[in-house]
Amino acid sequence: MTHSPGYTFVEKALARAAGLSQARAGDILDVKPDVIFSHDNTAPIRKLFEQIGAGRIKHPERIAITLDHAVPAPTTEHAQNHAEIREWVRLQGIDHFFEVGRGICHQVISEEALVLPGEVILGSDSHSTHFGWLGSFGMGVGRTEMAALWATGELWLRVPETLRVILNGQTRPGVTAKDITLRLMKDMGVGGGEYRAIEISGDTVAGWSLDELPVMPNMMAEFGAMSAYIAPDARVLQYIENRRDIHHRDTENTGSYRFRPYTPLYPDADAVYDQDYRLDVRDLQPQIALPHQPDNVVDLAQALGQPIQQAFIGTCTGGRLSDLEAAAQVVKGHKLKCRLVIIPASSEVMLAAARSGVLTTLIEAGAAINTPGCGPCMGNHMGVPAPNEASIISGSRNFKGRMGTADAPIYLANPYVVAASAVAGCIADPAEVMGG
């Protein structure tokens, strides 16, 4: 009797969401996601929803909407867009709505424990791969698909092949998950994950903090991946339960959709993979993505001294508490030689940074602190550069015009390097800035 090989995480997760006992890469499934989310693009999605003749959202309890991409509204047009979204939330009875200042959708939905291990979450934002840090399947979809999801609660998907990323060794001080991700991008290119699921494993991952776990899944959007996944360990499962406990105290409503049961899913030991990528991270140096692609990556030493006019720490990739703590550690006792814009990923991150003194340190050095949200990451406001001004950021994208100005080069780096560069006024080694 021939032994049937095991299943990858994505094969198990999409089979579950389709109500099937099993599925294989290449199968076309009718998937019913557990969570469906949108952000400032909700108003144009509503127009598409109405154009197809739909009236009521089929599963409003599964919907999450966050105002985050242009908050507070920088123009009348943006304010009108927000007003229309608030009206839509009221008309459809959507409970999971997060106002201006709450933060970036991916960070907020994680903090709110709305997506759970083993589940499927589809969002109208490309960085929805982020949710793999919680052991779930996260995927970005277009506005038309989102309108269809609102109307029907389901979507056809092809089960992707899986690339297994195996990371081993402990990084040097000052080298982070961001650097490992940039190295992967350098080695395989921005199309290396195109329409593939990514499974991230190895003993390196166990050494990442909870703040670092989302970094690589999030940036797999730049890799062309359909989804990304890290097997949820005891820390992640405890995080979920802690977050649910917080919301139980706040709402005392354990019967709500937020408190639904869940079952983590793990790949089988004999699962079949499309390809393996292996990296020993022990000798890895801090990495820099040069303009204008996230795979145009070199060691920090090759970019030292490049003048910059602005540094930015924030975004769904690099705006968590540990990122702000890293920046404060570097700038403490210094005065900045160029602008440093700090935008926490959420109100909870901002509050924790305020209580710990991190914001005080950053402000004393001369940093500008802004409302939690996306800000200049997509070129809306709160840090848009002038023509020919160079920025170094803890974000994920550096193509031309990403921050709102076509002729303004962008460098990607970890938060230590971003902060050190703000102190030096050029791309700098944080070890040198901090005196070793």
Protein backbone atom coordinates (compact mmCIF):
# COMPACT_ATOMS: atom_id res chain seq x y z
CA MET A 1 0.00 0.00 0.00
CA THR A 2 1.41 3.37 -1.06
CA HIS A 3 1.89 5.89 1.74
CA SER A 4 0.25 9.26 1.10
CA PRO A 5 2.57 12.18 1.96
CA GLY A 6 1.63 14.63 4.67
CA TYR A 7 0.14 18.08 4.31
CA THR A 8 1.58 21.58 4.53
CA PHE A 9 0.00 24.20 6.73
CA VAL A 10 -1.70 25.97 3.82
CA GLU A 11 -3.19 22.72 2.54
CA LYS A 12 -4.68 22.08 5.98
CA ALA A 13 -5.88 25.66 6.59
CA LEU A 14 -7.62 26.11 3.24
CA ALA A 15 -9.18 22.64 3.42
CA ARG A 16 -10.59 23.52 6.83
CA ALA A 17 -11.94 26.86 5.57
CA ALA A 18 -13.58 25.05 2.64
CA GLY A 19 -15.20 22.47 4.91
CA LEU A 20 -13.10 19.62 3.48
CA SER A 21 -11.09 16.90 5.17
CA GLN A 22 -8.10 17.44 2.90
CA ALA A 23 -6.74 19.44 -0.02
CA ARG A 24 -3.59 19.52 -2.11
CA ALA A 25 -1.59 22.25 -3.83
CA GLY A 26 -3.28 23.03 -7.14
CA ASP A 27 -6.83 22.34 -5.90
CA ILE A 28 -9.44 25.06 -6.42
CA LEU A 29 -11.48 25.56 -3.24
CA ASP A 30 -14.48 27.62 -2.22
CA VAL A 31 -13.02 29.15 0.96
CA LYS A 32 -15.08 30.75 3.72
CA PRO A 33 -12.72 33.02 5.71
CA ASP A 34 -13.07 33.51 9.43
CA VAL A 35 -12.18 37.22 9.31
CA ILE A 36 -12.54 39.75 6.49
CA PHE A 37 -11.08 43.22 6.87
CA SER A 38 -10.62 46.54 5.11
CA HIS A 39 -9.41 50.01 6.03
CA ASP A 40 -9.64 53.48 4.45
CA ASN A 41 -10.50 51.76 1.17
CA THR A 42 -13.84 50.64 2.61
CA ALA A 43 -15.81 53.46 0.94
CA PRO A 44 -14.83 52.52 -2.65
CA ILE A 45 -15.44 48.84 -1.80
CA ARG A 46 -18.93 49.83 -0.66
CA LYS A 47 -19.61 51.34 -4.10
CA LEU A 48 -18.58 48.07 -5.76
CA PHE A 49 -20.74 46.15 -3.29
CA GLU A 50 -23.76 48.25 -4.22
CA GLN A 51 -23.00 48.00 -7.96
CA ILE A 52 -23.32 44.21 -7.84
CA GLY A 53 -26.76 44.61 -6.26
CA ALA A 54 -25.87 43.45 -2.77
CA GLY A 55 -27.66 44.93 0.22
CA ARG A 56 -26.54 43.43 3.49
CA ILE A 57 -23.13 42.04 4.42
CA LYS A 58 -23.61 38.30 4.89
CA HIS A 59 -21.45 37.88 8.00
CA PRO A 60 -21.08 41.28 9.72
CA GLU A 61 -19.64 39.60 12.82
CA ARG A 62 -16.63 38.52 10.72
CA ILE A 63 -15.94 42.01 9.39
CA ALA A 64 -13.25 44.32 10.78
CA ILE A 65 -12.68 47.89 9.55
CA THR A 66 -9.82 50.13 10.66
CA LEU A 67 -9.16 53.77 9.81
CA ASP A 68 -5.39 53.88 9.52
CA HIS A 69 -3.99 54.93 6.14
CA ALA A 70 -4.62 58.69 6.38
CA VAL A 71 -5.30 59.53 10.02
CA PRO A 72 -6.12 62.08 11.22
CA ALA A 73 -7.59 63.07 7.86
CA PRO A 74 -5.03 65.29 6.05
CA THR A 75 -7.54 66.63 3.51
CA THR A 76 -11.26 67.27 3.17
CA GLU A 77 -11.42 64.40 0.71
CA HIS A 78 -9.96 62.01 3.24
CA ALA A 79 -12.31 63.31 5.94
CA GLN A 80 -15.30 62.71 3.66
CA ASN A 81 -14.05 59.18 2.99
CA HIS A 82 -13.87 58.53 6.74
CA ALA A 83 -17.37 59.94 7.23
CA GLU A 84 -18.77 57.59 4.58
CA ILE A 85 -17.06 54.63 6.24
CA ARG A 86 -18.54 55.52 9.63
CA GLU A 87 -21.99 55.66 8.04
CA TRP A 88 -21.42 52.25 6.41
CA VAL A 89 -20.33 50.72 9.73
CA ARG A 90 -23.53 52.02 11.34
CA LEU A 91 -25.81 50.82 8.53
CA GLN A 92 -24.30 47.33 8.46
CA GLY A 93 -24.04 46.88 12.23
CA ILE A 94 -20.30 46.21 12.17
CA ASP A 95 -18.98 45.84 15.73
CA HIS A 96 -15.27 45.53 14.95
CA PHE A 97 -14.62 49.12 13.87
CA PHE A 98 -11.47 50.92 14.95
CA GLU A 99 -11.35 54.70 14.81
CA VAL A 100 -8.66 57.22 14.00
CA GLY A 101 -5.75 56.77 16.40
CA ARG A 102 -6.26 53.10 17.22
CA GLY A 103 -3.51 52.10 14.80
CA ILE A 104 -2.58 50.07 11.73
CA CYS A 105 -5.01 47.31 10.76
CA HIS A 106 -2.57 44.38 11.05
CA GLN A 107 -1.28 45.45 14.44
CA VAL A 108 -4.75 46.27 15.76
CA ILE A 109 -6.42 43.05 14.60
CA SER A 110 -3.59 41.09 16.24
CA GLU A 111 -3.95 43.01 19.51
CA GLU A 112 -7.71 42.58 19.44
CA ALA A 113 -7.38 38.78 19.06
CA LEU A 114 -9.77 38.84 16.13
CA VAL A 115 -7.82 36.32 14.07
CA LEU A 116 -6.89 33.01 15.65
CA PRO A 117 -4.39 30.20 14.95
CA GLY A 118 -5.44 27.84 12.17
CA GLU A 119 -7.89 30.32 10.69
CA VAL A 120 -8.14 32.15 7.37
CA ILE A 121 -8.15 35.95 7.20
CA LEU A 122 -8.57 37.86 3.94
CA GLY A 123 -7.95 41.60 3.85
CA SER A 124 -8.00 44.38 1.29
CA ASP A 125 -4.38 45.18 2.08
CA SER A 126 -1.37 43.46 0.57
CA HIS A 127 0.40 43.03 3.92
CA SER A 128 -2.27 40.62 5.15
CA THR A 129 0.44 37.95 5.02
CA HIS A 130 1.29 39.52 8.41
CA PHE A 131 -1.12 37.21 10.26
CA GLY A 132 1.07 34.18 9.70
CA TRP A 133 2.83 35.21 12.92
CA LEU A 134 -0.27 33.98 14.75
CA GLY A 135 -0.27 30.65 12.93
CA SER A 136 -3.06 31.69 10.58
CA PHE A 137 -3.45 32.01 6.81
CA GLY A 138 -3.46 35.69 5.85
CA MET A 139 -3.85 36.91 2.29
CA GLY A 140 -4.45 40.23 0.59
CA VAL A 141 -7.27 40.59 -1.95
CA GLY A 142 -8.46 43.34 -4.28
CA ARG A 143 -11.45 45.60 -3.81
CA THR A 144 -13.67 43.61 -6.17
CA GLU A 145 -12.91 40.40 -4.28
CA MET A 146 -13.62 42.17 -1.00
CA ALA A 147 -17.03 43.33 -2.24
CA ALA A 148 -17.79 39.73 -3.22
CA LEU A 149 -16.66 38.51 0.20
CA TRP A 150 -18.98 40.97 1.90
CA ALA A 151 -21.87 39.75 -0.24
CA THR A 152 -21.27 36.00 -0.14
CA GLY A 153 -18.82 35.29 2.67
CA GLU A 154 -16.69 33.11 0.40
CA LEU A 155 -14.08 33.22 -2.36
CA TRP A 156 -12.49 30.76 -4.76
CA LEU A 157 -8.78 30.19 -4.15
CA ARG A 158 -6.17 27.90 -5.66
CA VAL A 159 -4.18 26.09 -2.98
CA PRO A 160 -0.57 27.26 -3.47
CA GLU A 161 2.67 25.31 -3.38
CA THR A 162 4.81 25.99 -0.31
CA LEU A 163 8.34 27.36 0.03
CA ARG A 164 9.93 26.32 3.32
CA VAL A 165 12.30 28.89 4.86
CA ILE A 166 14.63 27.28 7.42
CA LEU A 167 16.62 29.69 9.61
CA ASN A 168 19.31 28.46 11.98
CA GLY A 169 21.67 30.09 14.48
CA GLN A 170 21.48 33.11 16.75
CA THR A 171 21.99 36.57 15.30
CA ARG A 172 24.61 39.01 16.51
CA PRO A 173 23.46 41.94 18.68
CA GLY A 174 21.85 44.61 16.52
CA VAL A 175 20.81 42.12 13.81
CA THR A 176 17.07 41.54 13.68
CA ALA A 177 14.34 39.65 11.87
CA LYS A 178 14.25 42.59 9.45
CA ASP A 179 17.83 41.88 8.38
CA ILE A 180 17.11 38.19 7.85
CA THR A 181 14.08 39.11 5.74
CA LEU A 182 16.09 41.52 3.61
CA ARG A 183 18.75 38.83 3.08
CA LEU A 184 16.07 36.40 1.90
CA MET A 185 14.83 39.05 -0.52
CA LYS A 186 18.37 39.58 -1.81
CA ASP A 187 18.96 35.87 -2.32
CA MET A 188 15.66 35.04 -4.05
CA GLY A 189 14.41 38.36 -5.45
CA VAL A 190 11.07 40.12 -5.08
CA GLY A 191 9.35 37.45 -7.17
CA GLY A 192 10.80 34.53 -5.24
CA GLY A 193 7.58 33.78 -3.42
CA GLU A 194 5.13 34.55 -6.22
CA TYR A 195 1.82 32.77 -5.58
CA ARG A 196 3.45 30.49 -3.06
CA ALA A 197 2.80 29.97 0.62
CA ILE A 198 5.80 30.45 2.90
CA GLU A 199 6.50 28.35 6.00
CA ILE A 200 9.13 29.97 8.24
CA SER A 201 10.90 27.61 10.65
CA GLY A 202 14.22 26.80 12.32
CA ASP A 203 15.79 27.46 15.72
CA THR A 204 16.36 31.14 14.89
CA VAL A 205 12.62 31.76 14.98
CA ALA A 206 12.38 30.55 18.58
CA GLY A 207 14.75 33.38 19.53
CA TRP A 208 12.58 36.11 18.04
CA SER A 209 10.50 38.21 20.40
CA LEU A 210 6.74 38.41 19.93
CA ASP A 211 7.34 41.82 18.34
CA GLU A 212 9.76 40.33 15.80
CA LEU A 213 7.60 37.37 14.77
CA PRO A 214 5.36 39.43 12.43
CA VAL A 215 8.26 41.03 10.51
CA MET A 216 9.06 38.29 8.00
CA PRO A 217 5.44 37.18 7.42
CA ASN A 218 4.51 40.82 6.85
CA MET A 219 7.27 41.45 4.30
CA MET A 220 6.44 38.31 2.37
CA ALA A 221 4.02 40.62 0.56
CA GLU A 222 7.13 42.20 -1.03
CA PHE A 223 8.28 38.67 -1.88
CA GLY A 224 5.17 38.07 -3.97
CA ALA A 225 3.87 35.43 -1.55
CA MET A 226 0.21 34.49 -1.20
CA SER A 227 0.61 33.84 2.52
CA ALA A 228 3.23 33.20 5.20
CA TYR A 229 3.17 31.07 8.36
CA ILE A 230 5.09 30.49 11.57
CA ALA A 231 4.03 27.53 13.70
CA PRO A 232 2.40 29.00 16.83
CA ASP A 233 4.38 28.08 19.93
CA ALA A 234 3.36 28.32 23.59
CA ARG A 235 4.21 32.06 23.66
CA VAL A 236 1.87 32.87 20.79
CA LEU A 237 -0.96 30.75 22.16
CA GLN A 238 -0.57 32.43 25.55
CA TYR A 239 -0.57 35.84 23.85
CA ILE A 240 -3.91 35.00 22.23
CA GLU A 241 -5.42 33.90 25.52
CA ASN A 242 -4.08 36.98 27.33
CA ARG A 243 -5.62 39.23 24.70
CA ARG A 244 -8.96 37.41 24.95
CA ASP A 245 -8.84 37.77 28.73
CA ILE A 246 -8.37 41.52 28.36
CA HIS A 247 -11.40 41.79 26.10
CA HIS A 248 -13.42 39.54 28.40
CA ARG A 249 -12.79 42.01 31.22
CA ASP A 250 -13.69 44.90 28.92
CA THR A 251 -16.87 43.40 27.47
CA GLU A 252 -17.85 40.46 29.70
CA ASN A 253 -19.26 38.90 26.53
CA THR A 254 -17.60 35.55 26.02
CA GLY A 255 -20.45 34.55 23.72
CA SER A 256 -19.34 37.01 21.03
CA TYR A 257 -17.65 35.94 17.80
CA ARG A 258 -14.34 37.11 19.24
CA PHE A 259 -14.39 34.20 21.71
CA ARG A 260 -15.04 31.42 19.18
CA PRO A 261 -13.11 28.16 19.69
CA TYR A 262 -10.09 27.46 17.51
CA THR A 263 -7.61 24.69 16.76
CA PRO A 264 -4.01 25.50 15.80
CA LEU A 265 -2.78 23.73 12.68
CA TYR A 266 0.73 22.46 12.05
CA PRO A 267 2.39 21.00 8.94
CA ASP A 268 3.05 17.27 8.87
CA ALA A 269 6.65 16.09 9.21
CA ASP A 270 6.43 14.44 5.79
CA ALA A 271 4.68 17.32 4.01
CA VAL A 272 5.78 17.98 0.43
CA TYR A 273 7.44 21.34 -0.29
CA ASP A 274 8.02 23.11 -3.56
CA GLN A 275 11.45 24.34 -2.44
CA ASP A 276 13.62 24.84 0.65
CA TYR A 277 15.61 27.98 1.45
CA ARG A 278 18.18 27.66 4.24
CA LEU A 279 20.14 30.41 6.00
CA ASP A 280 22.60 30.28 8.87
CA VAL A 281 22.22 33.73 10.46
CA ARG A 282 25.17 33.66 12.88
CA ASP A 283 27.47 35.79 10.71
CA LEU A 284 24.77 37.96 9.17
CA GLN A 285 25.48 41.70 9.24
CA PRO A 286 22.80 44.42 9.36
CA GLN A 287 21.29 44.72 5.89
CA ILE A 288 20.25 47.76 3.85
CA ALA A 289 17.83 47.76 0.92
CA LEU A 290 19.02 50.46 -1.46
CA PRO A 291 16.62 52.37 -3.75
CA HIS A 292 14.39 51.38 -5.45
CA GLN A 293 13.58 47.72 -4.64
CA PRO A 294 13.43 45.75 -1.38
CA ASP A 295 15.70 43.09 -2.92
CA ASN A 296 18.45 45.61 -3.82
CA VAL A 297 20.19 44.64 -0.60
CA VAL A 298 23.77 45.06 0.66
CA ASP A 299 25.57 44.74 3.98
CA LEU A 300 25.41 47.90 6.09
CA ALA A 301 29.16 48.44 5.60
CA GLN A 302 28.61 49.00 1.87
CA ALA A 303 26.16 51.87 2.47
CA LEU A 304 27.82 53.74 5.35
CA GLY A 305 28.10 57.50 4.89
CA GLN A 306 25.27 57.86 2.39
CA PRO A 307 23.59 61.21 3.27
CA ILE A 308 19.97 61.17 4.40
CA GLN A 309 17.56 63.94 5.30
CA GLN A 310 14.88 61.94 7.13
CA ALA A 311 14.57 58.81 9.23
CA PHE A 312 11.23 57.13 9.90
CA ILE A 313 10.39 54.42 12.41
CA GLY A 314 6.88 53.05 12.07
CA THR A 315 4.59 51.01 9.76
CA CYS A 316 3.10 47.55 10.19
CA THR A 317 6.60 46.16 9.61
CA GLY A 318 8.60 48.27 12.06
CA GLY A 319 6.45 50.30 14.45
CA ARG A 320 6.05 48.00 17.44
CA LEU A 321 7.29 48.70 20.96
CA SER A 322 10.63 46.94 20.51
CA ASP A 323 11.32 49.07 17.42
CA LEU A 324 10.73 52.26 19.41
CA GLU A 325 12.83 50.88 22.28
CA ALA A 326 15.69 50.15 19.88
CA ALA A 327 15.54 53.70 18.54
CA ALA A 328 15.51 55.17 22.06
CA GLN A 329 18.49 53.04 23.05
CA VAL A 330 20.50 54.43 20.11
CA VAL A 331 19.54 58.12 20.34
CA LYS A 332 19.72 58.44 24.13
CA GLY A 333 22.10 61.27 25.02
CA HIS A 334 22.41 62.45 21.40
CA LYS A 335 20.92 65.27 19.36
CA LEU A 336 19.69 64.38 15.91
CA LYS A 337 21.32 65.68 12.74
CA CYS A 338 18.27 65.01 10.59
CA ARG A 339 14.52 64.56 11.05
CA LEU A 340 13.37 61.45 12.90
CA VAL A 341 9.67 60.68 12.55
CA ILE A 342 8.20 58.16 14.99
CA ILE A 343 4.75 56.66 14.37
CA PRO A 344 3.74 53.83 16.72
CA ALA A 345 1.85 50.99 15.05
CA SER A 346 -1.03 51.27 17.51
CA SER A 347 -2.37 53.22 20.45
CA GLU A 348 -1.33 50.36 22.74
CA VAL A 349 2.25 50.61 21.49
CA MET A 350 2.19 54.37 21.96
CA LEU A 351 0.82 54.08 25.49
CA ALA A 352 3.42 51.48 26.49
CA ALA A 353 6.20 53.65 25.03
CA ALA A 354 4.89 56.66 26.95
CA ARG A 355 4.66 54.77 30.23
CA SER A 356 8.15 53.27 29.89
CA GLY A 357 9.86 56.57 29.12
CA VAL A 358 10.77 55.57 25.57
CA LEU A 359 8.83 58.48 24.09
CA THR A 360 10.51 60.87 26.51
CA THR A 361 13.94 59.75 25.34
CA LEU A 362 12.95 60.09 21.68
CA ILE A 363 11.43 63.53 22.16
CA GLU A 364 14.44 64.78 24.11
CA ALA A 365 16.64 63.77 21.19
CA GLY A 366 14.43 65.78 18.82
CA ALA A 367 12.14 63.16 17.30
CA ALA A 368 8.63 64.00 16.04
CA ILE A 369 5.94 61.71 17.47
CA ASN A 370 2.78 61.21 15.41
CA THR A 371 -0.66 59.57 15.59
CA PRO A 372 -0.63 55.76 15.23
CA GLY A 373 -1.30 54.82 11.61
CA CYS A 374 0.43 54.41 8.27
CA GLY A 375 1.46 58.06 7.77
CA PRO A 376 4.19 58.57 5.16
CA CYS A 377 4.53 54.84 4.40
CA MET A 378 2.13 55.31 1.51
CA GLY A 379 2.84 59.00 1.02
CA ASN A 380 -0.21 60.53 2.67
CA HIS A 381 1.24 62.84 5.35
CA MET A 382 3.28 63.14 8.56
CA GLY A 383 6.66 62.71 6.89
CA VAL A 384 6.41 63.10 3.11
CA PRO A 385 9.92 64.00 1.84
CA ALA A 386 10.83 66.87 -0.49
CA PRO A 387 12.20 66.08 -3.97
CA ASN A 388 15.68 64.51 -3.77
CA GLU A 389 15.47 64.11 0.01
CA ALA A 390 16.61 60.63 1.07
CA SER A 391 14.78 58.70 3.79
CA ILE A 392 15.83 55.64 5.75
CA ILE A 393 12.88 53.75 7.22
CA SER A 394 11.95 50.66 9.23
CA GLY A 395 9.17 49.92 6.74
CA SER A 396 8.89 47.40 3.94
CA ARG A 397 8.71 49.26 0.60
CA ASN A 398 11.12 51.59 -1.14
CA PHE A 399 9.99 51.83 -4.75
CA LYS A 400 9.88 55.24 -6.40
CA GLY A 401 7.14 57.47 -5.05
CA ARG A 402 6.21 55.16 -2.17
CA MET A 403 6.42 58.00 0.35
CA GLY A 404 4.59 60.45 -1.90
CA THR A 405 7.53 62.01 -3.77
CA ALA A 406 8.80 60.44 -6.99
CA ASP A 407 12.38 61.71 -6.75
CA ALA A 408 13.01 60.90 -3.09
CA PRO A 409 15.14 57.76 -2.55
CA ILE A 410 14.20 55.36 0.26
CA TYR A 411 16.45 52.96 2.17
CA LEU A 412 15.11 50.07 4.27
CA ALA A 413 16.85 49.00 7.48
CA ASN A 414 16.31 47.73 11.00
CA PRO A 415 15.35 50.28 13.70
CA TYR A 416 18.83 50.43 15.24
CA VAL A 417 20.33 51.49 11.90
CA VAL A 418 17.49 53.93 11.19
CA ALA A 419 17.98 55.65 14.55
CA ALA A 420 21.79 55.72 14.22
CA SER A 421 21.44 57.33 10.81
CA ALA A 422 19.22 60.05 12.29
CA VAL A 423 21.94 60.80 14.84
CA ALA A 424 24.70 60.89 12.21
CA GLY A 425 22.81 62.54 9.34
CA CYS A 426 23.97 59.71 7.08
CA ILE A 427 23.63 55.95 7.02
CA ALA A 428 25.53 54.87 10.12
CA ASP A 429 26.51 51.86 12.19
CA PRO A 430 24.61 51.91 15.51
CA ALA A 431 27.59 50.32 17.27
CA GLU A 432 29.70 53.35 16.37
CA VAL A 433 27.00 55.82 17.40
CA MET A 434 26.61 54.05 20.74
CA GLY A 435 30.34 53.73 21.30
CA GLY A 436 30.46 49.99 20.74
